[in-house]
Amino acid sequence: MEAPLLLLLLAAVRVDAYRPVIIVHGIFDGPKQFRTLSAFITEAHPGTEVTVIDLYDNLSSLKPLWTQVQHFRRAASTVMEAAPDGVHLLCFSQGGLICRALLATTPDHNVHTFISLSSPQAGQYGDTDYLNRVFPECVKKTVYYFCYRRLGQRVSICDYWNDPHHRSSYLQNNVFLPLLNGDRPHEDMTAWRENFLRIQRLVLIGGPDDGVITPWQSSHFGFYDSSELVVEMRKQEFYRNDTFGLRTLDARGAVSVCIWPEVKHVQWHSNHSVFSSCMEKWLT
């Protein structure tokens, strides 16, 4: 067989090997913000099927997270069912929490790599422009008054608002993140943990100049203690107790952390250096 023909055949086989990529957007945005990232993926890995789920866009992203998870799960399952070799899940900001809940509550998912792109995985507690868009003239010290009430839990940002000065209220009244992280025991913990551990790799991406995720280390499962000092991932209770499988994944060598400076929150999905250094090699 002539060399050029052999190379073409090998290239065709390689294209077929790329797993589909499912992208879930963050708060206040939608599919159009991910055209650049989709182009990065298909340029690096030609033939890759990239699906940016078109649900709960823009202001609709403020809907309760468990409601969103239900519908994102249904949309993602359609792609998974058509991909016998599995898929990759690439999720930005609030979308990273939706995706982790999707993984935890889907027993038969076939997600190979879960990329969490600047997502508040351990929660959010900070005065930011995003907070002011949801709660005008409020500051971080007072948001818990609303968030930790039944009405507040119908606003997405409240579902992961983690006030370190009101830990007991957070654990008792937040219906999303304490359950997802296993900070509050519940009957589905074991099953959710097993489901999450079906993934082969977890990629955590974030950086100190994000400007929205607060503390920025939350993108790597770090968070504030009651003195607002950051406690890193491996010292968190949910890690030490392995409540949802994070320590097990880490022990497997399946957790990759990428820290990238000088990137603002809305720039993560359009920065080619971040893509090539932190994502490209995992999307095969």
C-alpha atoms as a PDB file:
ATOM      1  CA  MET A   1       0.000   0.000   0.000  1.00  0.00           C
ATOM      2  CA  GLU A   2       1.322   3.397  -0.936  1.00  0.00           C
ATOM      3  CA  ALA A   3       2.321   5.628   1.978  1.00  0.00           C
ATOM      4  CA  PRO A   4      -0.103   8.513   1.211  1.00  0.00           C
ATOM      5  CA  LEU A   5      -3.074   6.115   1.099  1.00  0.00           C
ATOM      6  CA  LEU A   6      -1.990   4.478   4.362  1.00  0.00           C
ATOM      7  CA  LEU A   7      -1.762   7.870   6.053  1.00  0.00           C
ATOM      8  CA  LEU A   8      -5.246   8.762   4.868  1.00  0.00           C
ATOM      9  CA  LEU A   9      -6.648   5.527   6.252  1.00  0.00           C
ATOM     10  CA  LEU A  10      -4.908   6.052   9.574  1.00  0.00           C
ATOM     11  CA  ALA A  11      -6.262   9.595   9.735  1.00  0.00           C
ATOM     12  CA  ALA A  12      -9.776   8.369   9.091  1.00  0.00           C
ATOM     13  CA  VAL A  13      -9.488   5.825  11.894  1.00  0.00           C
ATOM     14  CA  ARG A  14      -8.188   8.510  14.234  1.00  0.00           C
ATOM     15  CA  VAL A  15     -11.088  10.848  13.460  1.00  0.00           C
ATOM     16  CA  ASP A  16     -13.555   8.076  14.270  1.00  0.00           C
ATOM     17  CA  ALA A  17     -11.838   7.606  17.636  1.00  0.00           C
ATOM     18  CA  TYR A  18     -12.671  11.074  18.941  1.00  0.00           C
ATOM     19  CA  ARG A  19     -15.425  10.896  21.503  1.00  0.00           C
ATOM     20  CA  PRO A  20     -18.293  13.392  21.219  1.00  0.00           C
ATOM     21  CA  VAL A  21     -18.060  16.465  23.450  1.00  0.00           C
ATOM     22  CA  ILE A  22     -21.058  17.823  25.321  1.00  0.00           C
ATOM     23  CA  ILE A  23     -20.793  21.435  26.492  1.00  0.00           C
ATOM     24  CA  VAL A  24     -22.965  22.944  29.223  1.00  0.00           C
ATOM     25  CA  HIS A  25     -22.952  26.733  29.558  1.00  0.00           C
ATOM     26  CA  GLY A  26     -22.868  28.872  32.688  1.00  0.00           C
ATOM     27  CA  ILE A  27     -25.071  31.485  34.278  1.00  0.00           C
ATOM     28  CA  PHE A  28     -26.325  34.333  32.055  1.00  0.00           C
ATOM     29  CA  ASP A  29     -25.050  32.806  28.817  1.00  0.00           C
ATOM     30  CA  GLY A  30     -25.932  30.180  26.232  1.00  0.00           C
ATOM     31  CA  PRO A  31     -24.663  28.307  23.173  1.00  0.00           C
ATOM     32  CA  LYS A  32     -23.477  31.352  21.223  1.00  0.00           C
ATOM     33  CA  GLN A  33     -20.760  32.030  23.810  1.00  0.00           C
ATOM     34  CA  PHE A  34     -19.197  28.658  22.995  1.00  0.00           C
ATOM     35  CA  ARG A  35     -18.719  28.963  19.243  1.00  0.00           C
ATOM     36  CA  THR A  36     -15.016  29.736  19.693  1.00  0.00           C
ATOM     37  CA  LEU A  37     -14.441  26.804  22.033  1.00  0.00           C
ATOM     38  CA  SER A  38     -16.325  24.486  19.685  1.00  0.00           C
ATOM     39  CA  ALA A  39     -14.085  25.673  16.847  1.00  0.00           C
ATOM     40  CA  PHE A  40     -10.970  25.044  18.961  1.00  0.00           C
ATOM     41  CA  ILE A  41     -12.114  21.451  19.509  1.00  0.00           C
ATOM     42  CA  THR A  42     -12.929  20.643  15.898  1.00  0.00           C
ATOM     43  CA  GLU A  43      -9.742  22.285  14.673  1.00  0.00           C
ATOM     44  CA  ALA A  44      -7.599  20.249  17.070  1.00  0.00           C
ATOM     45  CA  HIS A  45      -9.603  17.046  16.621  1.00  0.00           C
ATOM     46  CA  PRO A  46     -11.299  17.106  13.199  1.00  0.00           C
ATOM     47  CA  GLY A  47     -14.586  15.265  13.001  1.00  0.00           C
ATOM     48  CA  THR A  48     -15.416  15.608  16.681  1.00  0.00           C
ATOM     49  CA  GLU A  49     -19.145  15.927  17.322  1.00  0.00           C
ATOM     50  CA  VAL A  50     -19.608  18.927  19.621  1.00  0.00           C
ATOM     51  CA  THR A  51     -23.008  19.523  21.193  1.00  0.00           C
ATOM     52  CA  VAL A  52     -23.642  22.729  23.131  1.00  0.00           C
ATOM     53  CA  ILE A  53     -26.901  22.051  24.954  1.00  0.00           C
ATOM     54  CA  ASP A  54     -29.400  24.825  24.276  1.00  0.00           C
ATOM     55  CA  LEU A  55     -31.335  24.949  27.537  1.00  0.00           C
ATOM     56  CA  TYR A  56     -31.854  27.522  30.301  1.00  0.00           C
ATOM     57  CA  ASP A  57     -30.064  30.258  28.415  1.00  0.00           C
ATOM     58  CA  ASN A  58     -29.455  33.783  29.716  1.00  0.00           C
ATOM     59  CA  LEU A  59     -31.960  34.774  32.446  1.00  0.00           C
ATOM     60  CA  SER A  60     -33.451  31.278  32.434  1.00  0.00           C
ATOM     61  CA  SER A  61     -30.147  30.121  33.919  1.00  0.00           C
ATOM     62  CA  LEU A  62     -31.426  31.472  37.245  1.00  0.00           C
ATOM     63  CA  LYS A  63     -33.964  28.633  37.498  1.00  0.00           C
ATOM     64  CA  PRO A  64     -33.429  26.143  40.374  1.00  0.00           C
ATOM     65  CA  LEU A  65     -30.509  23.848  39.668  1.00  0.00           C
ATOM     66  CA  TRP A  66     -32.289  20.551  40.326  1.00  0.00           C
ATOM     67  CA  THR A  67     -34.873  21.573  37.714  1.00  0.00           C
ATOM     68  CA  GLN A  68     -32.096  22.369  35.251  1.00  0.00           C
ATOM     69  CA  VAL A  69     -30.253  19.127  36.009  1.00  0.00           C
ATOM     70  CA  GLN A  70     -33.328  17.107  35.081  1.00  0.00           C
ATOM     71  CA  HIS A  71     -33.536  18.613  31.608  1.00  0.00           C
ATOM     72  CA  PHE A  72     -29.795  18.767  30.925  1.00  0.00           C
ATOM     73  CA  ARG A  73     -29.603  15.079  31.875  1.00  0.00           C
ATOM     74  CA  ARG A  74     -32.284  14.230  29.338  1.00  0.00           C
ATOM     75  CA  ALA A  75     -30.523  16.181  26.572  1.00  0.00           C
ATOM     76  CA  ALA A  76     -27.093  14.721  27.390  1.00  0.00           C
ATOM     77  CA  SER A  77     -28.472  11.182  27.497  1.00  0.00           C
ATOM     78  CA  THR A  78     -29.484  11.452  23.839  1.00  0.00           C
ATOM     79  CA  VAL A  79     -25.856  12.108  22.880  1.00  0.00           C
ATOM     80  CA  MET A  80     -24.549   9.401  25.212  1.00  0.00           C
ATOM     81  CA  GLU A  81     -26.870   6.753  23.784  1.00  0.00           C
ATOM     82  CA  ALA A  82     -25.453   7.368  20.303  1.00  0.00           C
ATOM     83  CA  ALA A  83     -21.827   7.099  21.515  1.00  0.00           C
ATOM     84  CA  PRO A  84     -20.920   3.509  22.467  1.00  0.00           C
ATOM     85  CA  ASP A  85     -17.318   4.511  23.283  1.00  0.00           C
ATOM     86  CA  GLY A  86     -18.433   7.263  25.627  1.00  0.00           C
ATOM     87  CA  VAL A  87     -18.467  11.056  25.636  1.00  0.00           C
ATOM     88  CA  HIS A  88     -16.648  13.962  27.234  1.00  0.00           C
ATOM     89  CA  LEU A  89     -18.452  16.531  29.369  1.00  0.00           C
ATOM     90  CA  LEU A  90     -17.094  20.097  29.288  1.00  0.00           C
ATOM     91  CA  CYS A  91     -18.950  22.440  31.601  1.00  0.00           C
ATOM     92  CA  PHE A  92     -18.438  26.094  32.417  1.00  0.00           C
ATOM     93  CA  SER A  93     -19.080  28.000  35.639  1.00  0.00           C
ATOM     94  CA  GLN A  94     -22.538  27.167  37.041  1.00  0.00           C
ATOM     95  CA  GLY A  95     -22.722  24.512  34.338  1.00  0.00           C
ATOM     96  CA  GLY A  96     -19.964  22.596  36.115  1.00  0.00           C
ATOM     97  CA  LEU A  97     -22.275  22.047  39.069  1.00  0.00           C
ATOM     98  CA  ILE A  98     -25.135  21.033  36.796  1.00  0.00           C
ATOM     99  CA  CYS A  99     -22.842  18.510  35.147  1.00  0.00           C
ATOM    100  CA  ARG A 100     -21.598  17.065  38.414  1.00  0.00           C
ATOM    101  CA  ALA A 101     -25.186  16.618  39.579  1.00  0.00           C
ATOM    102  CA  LEU A 102     -26.003  15.056  36.213  1.00  0.00           C
ATOM    103  CA  LEU A 103     -23.163  12.563  36.677  1.00  0.00           C
ATOM    104  CA  ALA A 104     -24.171  11.761  40.241  1.00  0.00           C
ATOM    105  CA  THR A 105     -27.792  11.085  39.368  1.00  0.00           C
ATOM    106  CA  THR A 106     -27.275   9.128  36.131  1.00  0.00           C
ATOM    107  CA  PRO A 107     -26.490   5.463  36.893  1.00  0.00           C
ATOM    108  CA  ASP A 108     -25.714   4.419  33.322  1.00  0.00           C
ATOM    109  CA  HIS A 109     -23.810   7.430  32.009  1.00  0.00           C
ATOM    110  CA  ASN A 110     -20.768   6.840  29.819  1.00  0.00           C
ATOM    111  CA  VAL A 111     -18.844  10.071  30.446  1.00  0.00           C
ATOM    112  CA  HIS A 112     -15.135   9.444  30.052  1.00  0.00           C
ATOM    113  CA  THR A 113     -13.693  12.859  30.992  1.00  0.00           C
ATOM    114  CA  PHE A 114     -15.432  15.606  32.918  1.00  0.00           C
ATOM    115  CA  ILE A 115     -13.819  19.027  32.447  1.00  0.00           C
ATOM    116  CA  SER A 116     -14.936  21.591  35.004  1.00  0.00           C
ATOM    117  CA  LEU A 117     -14.056  24.991  33.558  1.00  0.00           C
ATOM    118  CA  SER A 118     -13.952  27.735  36.217  1.00  0.00           C
ATOM    119  CA  SER A 119     -16.840  26.275  38.197  1.00  0.00           C
ATOM    120  CA  PRO A 120     -17.644  26.972  41.886  1.00  0.00           C
ATOM    121  CA  GLN A 121     -17.439  23.316  42.837  1.00  0.00           C
ATOM    122  CA  ALA A 122     -17.087  24.037  46.561  1.00  0.00           C
ATOM    123  CA  GLY A 123     -19.509  26.951  46.478  1.00  0.00           C
ATOM    124  CA  GLN A 124     -19.546  30.701  45.989  1.00  0.00           C
ATOM    125  CA  TYR A 125     -19.109  33.538  48.495  1.00  0.00           C
ATOM    126  CA  GLY A 126     -18.072  36.887  47.111  1.00  0.00           C
ATOM    127  CA  ASP A 127     -19.070  40.399  46.084  1.00  0.00           C
ATOM    128  CA  THR A 128     -19.020  40.273  42.286  1.00  0.00           C
ATOM    129  CA  ASP A 129     -20.792  41.843  39.331  1.00  0.00           C
ATOM    130  CA  TYR A 130     -22.720  38.610  38.903  1.00  0.00           C
ATOM    131  CA  LEU A 131     -24.010  38.796  42.468  1.00  0.00           C
ATOM    132  CA  ASN A 132     -25.135  42.374  41.938  1.00  0.00           C
ATOM    133  CA  ARG A 133     -27.011  41.379  38.802  1.00  0.00           C
ATOM    134  CA  VAL A 134     -29.034  38.890  40.830  1.00  0.00           C
ATOM    135  CA  PHE A 135     -29.267  40.844  44.083  1.00  0.00           C
ATOM    136  CA  PRO A 136     -28.809  44.580  43.361  1.00  0.00           C
ATOM    137  CA  GLU A 137     -27.282  46.547  46.214  1.00  0.00           C
ATOM    138  CA  CYS A 138     -26.721  43.408  48.300  1.00  0.00           C
ATOM    139  CA  VAL A 139     -23.361  42.358  49.693  1.00  0.00           C
ATOM    140  CA  LYS A 140     -22.072  38.892  50.426  1.00  0.00           C
ATOM    141  CA  LYS A 141     -22.644  39.226  54.179  1.00  0.00           C
ATOM    142  CA  THR A 142     -26.403  39.651  53.768  1.00  0.00           C
ATOM    143  CA  VAL A 143     -27.264  37.351  50.852  1.00  0.00           C
ATOM    144  CA  TYR A 144     -27.765  34.363  53.152  1.00  0.00           C
ATOM    145  CA  TYR A 145     -30.901  36.030  54.583  1.00  0.00           C
ATOM    146  CA  PHE A 146     -32.589  35.376  51.248  1.00  0.00           C
ATOM    147  CA  CYS A 147     -30.681  32.381  49.914  1.00  0.00           C
ATOM    148  CA  TYR A 148     -31.248  30.134  52.899  1.00  0.00           C
ATOM    149  CA  ARG A 149     -35.015  30.417  52.707  1.00  0.00           C
ATOM    150  CA  ARG A 150     -37.362  28.320  50.613  1.00  0.00           C
ATOM    151  CA  LEU A 151     -37.936  31.132  48.113  1.00  0.00           C
ATOM    152  CA  GLY A 152     -34.205  31.763  47.812  1.00  0.00           C
ATOM    153  CA  GLN A 153     -33.567  28.159  46.901  1.00  0.00           C
ATOM    154  CA  ARG A 154     -35.553  28.762  43.742  1.00  0.00           C
ATOM    155  CA  VAL A 155     -32.735  30.962  42.414  1.00  0.00           C
ATOM    156  CA  SER A 156     -29.784  29.046  40.982  1.00  0.00           C
ATOM    157  CA  ILE A 157     -26.982  31.044  42.589  1.00  0.00           C
ATOM    158  CA  CYS A 158     -28.509  30.375  46.014  1.00  0.00           C
ATOM    159  CA  ASP A 159     -28.201  26.645  45.376  1.00  0.00           C
ATOM    160  CA  TYR A 160     -24.422  26.950  45.692  1.00  0.00           C
ATOM    161  CA  TRP A 161     -24.153  30.028  47.914  1.00  0.00           C
ATOM    162  CA  ASN A 162     -21.873  28.802  50.703  1.00  0.00           C
ATOM    163  CA  ASP A 163     -21.634  31.388  53.478  1.00  0.00           C
ATOM    164  CA  PRO A 164     -18.754  30.266  55.734  1.00  0.00           C
ATOM    165  CA  HIS A 165     -20.128  32.371  58.598  1.00  0.00           C
ATOM    166  CA  HIS A 166     -23.499  30.615  58.551  1.00  0.00           C
ATOM    167  CA  ARG A 167     -22.488  27.013  58.086  1.00  0.00           C
ATOM    168  CA  SER A 168     -25.395  25.491  59.991  1.00  0.00           C
ATOM    169  CA  SER A 169     -27.966  27.417  57.921  1.00  0.00           C
ATOM    170  CA  TYR A 170     -26.187  26.394  54.735  1.00  0.00           C
ATOM    171  CA  LEU A 171     -26.246  22.717  55.714  1.00  0.00           C
ATOM    172  CA  GLN A 172     -29.841  22.786  56.857  1.00  0.00           C
ATOM    173  CA  ASN A 173     -31.473  24.941  54.196  1.00  0.00           C
ATOM    174  CA  ASN A 174     -29.464  24.660  50.987  1.00  0.00           C
ATOM    175  CA  VAL A 175     -31.118  21.908  48.924  1.00  0.00           C
ATOM    176  CA  PHE A 176     -28.381  21.461  46.321  1.00  0.00           C
ATOM    177  CA  LEU A 177     -24.675  21.788  47.104  1.00  0.00           C
ATOM    178  CA  PRO A 178     -24.625  20.197  50.594  1.00  0.00           C
ATOM    179  CA  LEU A 179     -26.307  17.136  49.090  1.00  0.00           C
ATOM    180  CA  LEU A 180     -24.057  17.044  46.033  1.00  0.00           C
ATOM    181  CA  ASN A 181     -20.896  17.349  48.157  1.00  0.00           C
ATOM    182  CA  GLY A 182     -22.183  14.949  50.781  1.00  0.00           C
ATOM    183  CA  ASP A 183     -21.891  17.603  53.481  1.00  0.00           C
ATOM    184  CA  ARG A 184     -25.407  16.646  54.558  1.00  0.00           C
ATOM    185  CA  PRO A 185     -25.979  12.870  54.618  1.00  0.00           C
ATOM    186  CA  HIS A 186     -28.855  11.534  52.535  1.00  0.00           C
ATOM    187  CA  GLU A 187     -30.137   8.167  51.356  1.00  0.00           C
ATOM    188  CA  ASP A 188     -28.734   8.497  47.817  1.00  0.00           C
ATOM    189  CA  MET A 189     -25.125   9.245  48.817  1.00  0.00           C
ATOM    190  CA  THR A 190     -23.741   5.797  48.033  1.00  0.00           C
ATOM    191  CA  ALA A 191     -25.468   5.561  44.665  1.00  0.00           C
ATOM    192  CA  TRP A 192     -24.422   9.099  43.675  1.00  0.00           C
ATOM    193  CA  ARG A 193     -20.843   8.341  44.627  1.00  0.00           C
ATOM    194  CA  GLU A 194     -20.787   5.180  42.512  1.00  0.00           C
ATOM    195  CA  ASN A 195     -22.276   7.044  39.563  1.00  0.00           C
ATOM    196  CA  PHE A 196     -19.748   9.868  39.790  1.00  0.00           C
ATOM    197  CA  LEU A 197     -16.883   7.370  39.942  1.00  0.00           C
ATOM    198  CA  ARG A 198     -17.823   6.026  36.508  1.00  0.00           C
ATOM    199  CA  ILE A 199     -15.782   8.860  34.979  1.00  0.00           C
ATOM    200  CA  GLN A 200     -12.184   8.131  34.018  1.00  0.00           C
ATOM    201  CA  ARG A 201     -10.813  11.629  34.544  1.00  0.00           C
ATOM    202  CA  LEU A 202     -11.741  14.875  36.266  1.00  0.00           C
ATOM    203  CA  VAL A 203     -10.100  18.068  34.986  1.00  0.00           C
ATOM    204  CA  LEU A 204     -10.367  21.164  37.183  1.00  0.00           C
ATOM    205  CA  ILE A 205      -9.526  24.499  35.566  1.00  0.00           C
ATOM    206  CA  GLY A 206      -9.410  27.933  37.212  1.00  0.00           C
ATOM    207  CA  GLY A 207      -7.138  30.801  38.129  1.00  0.00           C
ATOM    208  CA  PRO A 208      -6.448  33.729  40.458  1.00  0.00           C
ATOM    209  CA  ASP A 209      -7.614  36.483  38.093  1.00  0.00           C
ATOM    210  CA  ASP A 210     -11.057  34.993  37.385  1.00  0.00           C
ATOM    211  CA  GLY A 211     -12.881  37.805  39.167  1.00  0.00           C
ATOM    212  CA  VAL A 212     -16.169  35.929  39.610  1.00  0.00           C
ATOM    213  CA  ILE A 213     -15.591  32.524  41.223  1.00  0.00           C
ATOM    214  CA  THR A 214     -14.923  33.402  44.864  1.00  0.00           C
ATOM    215  CA  PRO A 215     -12.707  32.170  46.237  1.00  0.00           C
ATOM    216  CA  TRP A 216     -11.162  31.266  42.899  1.00  0.00           C
ATOM    217  CA  GLN A 217      -9.842  28.066  44.499  1.00  0.00           C
ATOM    218  CA  SER A 218     -13.437  26.802  44.574  1.00  0.00           C
ATOM    219  CA  SER A 219     -12.815  25.827  40.945  1.00  0.00           C
ATOM    220  CA  HIS A 220     -10.383  23.273  42.437  1.00  0.00           C
ATOM    221  CA  PHE A 221     -12.626  22.305  45.384  1.00  0.00           C
ATOM    222  CA  GLY A 222     -10.926  24.686  47.823  1.00  0.00           C
ATOM    223  CA  PHE A 223     -13.008  27.004  49.983  1.00  0.00           C
ATOM    224  CA  TYR A 224     -13.067  29.445  52.877  1.00  0.00           C
ATOM    225  CA  ASP A 225     -13.098  28.480  56.510  1.00  0.00           C
ATOM    226  CA  SER A 226     -14.977  30.638  59.039  1.00  0.00           C
ATOM    227  CA  SER A 227     -12.079  33.127  59.020  1.00  0.00           C
ATOM    228  CA  GLU A 228     -12.232  33.395  55.210  1.00  0.00           C
ATOM    229  CA  LEU A 229      -8.908  31.631  54.841  1.00  0.00           C
ATOM    230  CA  VAL A 230      -8.834  29.230  51.918  1.00  0.00           C
ATOM    231  CA  VAL A 231      -8.679  25.540  52.789  1.00  0.00           C
ATOM    232  CA  GLU A 232      -7.396  23.549  49.816  1.00  0.00           C
ATOM    233  CA  MET A 233      -9.138  20.521  48.329  1.00  0.00           C
ATOM    234  CA  ARG A 234      -7.339  17.742  50.184  1.00  0.00           C
ATOM    235  CA  LYS A 235      -8.121  19.300  53.561  1.00  0.00           C
ATOM    236  CA  GLN A 236     -11.835  19.658  52.904  1.00  0.00           C
ATOM    237  CA  GLU A 237     -14.146  17.367  54.885  1.00  0.00           C
ATOM    238  CA  PHE A 238     -15.845  16.061  51.750  1.00  0.00           C
ATOM    239  CA  TYR A 239     -12.419  15.030  50.432  1.00  0.00           C
ATOM    240  CA  ARG A 240     -11.185  13.444  53.648  1.00  0.00           C
ATOM    241  CA  ASN A 241     -14.458  11.556  54.091  1.00  0.00           C
ATOM    242  CA  ASP A 242     -14.625  10.755  50.366  1.00  0.00           C
ATOM    243  CA  THR A 243     -18.320  11.529  50.441  1.00  0.00           C
ATOM    244  CA  PHE A 244     -18.787  11.723  46.670  1.00  0.00           C
ATOM    245  CA  GLY A 245     -15.652   9.983  45.397  1.00  0.00           C
ATOM    246  CA  LEU A 246     -13.182  12.840  44.973  1.00  0.00           C
ATOM    247  CA  ARG A 247     -10.481  11.271  47.131  1.00  0.00           C
ATOM    248  CA  THR A 248     -10.898   7.956  45.310  1.00  0.00           C
ATOM    249  CA  LEU A 249     -10.483   9.660  41.941  1.00  0.00           C
ATOM    250  CA  ASP A 250      -7.429  11.486  43.229  1.00  0.00           C
ATOM    251  CA  ALA A 251      -5.908   8.258  44.531  1.00  0.00           C
ATOM    252  CA  ARG A 252      -6.365   6.773  41.053  1.00  0.00           C
ATOM    253  CA  GLY A 253      -4.369   9.649  39.593  1.00  0.00           C
ATOM    254  CA  ALA A 254      -7.517  10.668  37.749  1.00  0.00           C
ATOM    255  CA  VAL A 255      -7.718  14.303  38.930  1.00  0.00           C
ATOM    256  CA  SER A 256      -5.902  16.929  36.862  1.00  0.00           C
ATOM    257  CA  VAL A 257      -5.669  20.505  38.113  1.00  0.00           C
ATOM    258  CA  CYS A 258      -4.876  23.380  35.776  1.00  0.00           C
ATOM    259  CA  ILE A 259      -4.190  26.852  37.193  1.00  0.00           C
ATOM    260  CA  TRP A 260      -4.019  29.644  34.630  1.00  0.00           C
ATOM    261  CA  PRO A 261      -3.392  33.318  35.537  1.00  0.00           C
ATOM    262  CA  GLU A 262      -4.537  36.474  33.773  1.00  0.00           C
ATOM    263  CA  VAL A 263      -7.822  35.025  32.539  1.00  0.00           C
ATOM    264  CA  LYS A 264     -11.097  36.729  33.428  1.00  0.00           C
ATOM    265  CA  HIS A 265     -14.192  34.642  34.017  1.00  0.00           C
ATOM    266  CA  VAL A 266     -15.812  35.317  30.649  1.00  0.00           C
ATOM    267  CA  GLN A 267     -12.559  34.577  28.799  1.00  0.00           C
ATOM    268  CA  TRP A 268     -12.015  30.939  29.781  1.00  0.00           C
ATOM    269  CA  HIS A 269     -13.913  29.461  26.858  1.00  0.00           C
ATOM    270  CA  SER A 270     -12.279  31.688  24.231  1.00  0.00           C
ATOM    271  CA  ASN A 271      -8.644  31.555  25.374  1.00  0.00           C
ATOM    272  CA  HIS A 272      -6.691  29.269  23.068  1.00  0.00           C
ATOM    273  CA  SER A 273      -3.788  28.881  25.510  1.00  0.00           C
ATOM    274  CA  VAL A 274      -6.175  27.550  28.151  1.00  0.00           C
ATOM    275  CA  PHE A 275      -7.681  25.164  25.621  1.00  0.00           C
ATOM    276  CA  SER A 276      -4.376  23.857  24.280  1.00  0.00           C
ATOM    277  CA  SER A 277      -2.754  23.507  27.704  1.00  0.00           C
ATOM    278  CA  CYS A 278      -5.641  22.394  29.899  1.00  0.00           C
ATOM    279  CA  MET A 279      -8.242  20.710  27.676  1.00  0.00           C
ATOM    280  CA  GLU A 280      -7.043  19.549  24.277  1.00  0.00           C
ATOM    281  CA  LYS A 281      -5.207  16.390  25.338  1.00  0.00           C
ATOM    282  CA  TRP A 282      -8.193  15.096  27.309  1.00  0.00           C
ATOM    283  CA  LEU A 283     -10.727  15.431  24.481  1.00  0.00           C
ATOM    284  CA  THR A 284      -9.684  12.415  22.416  1.00  0.00           C
END
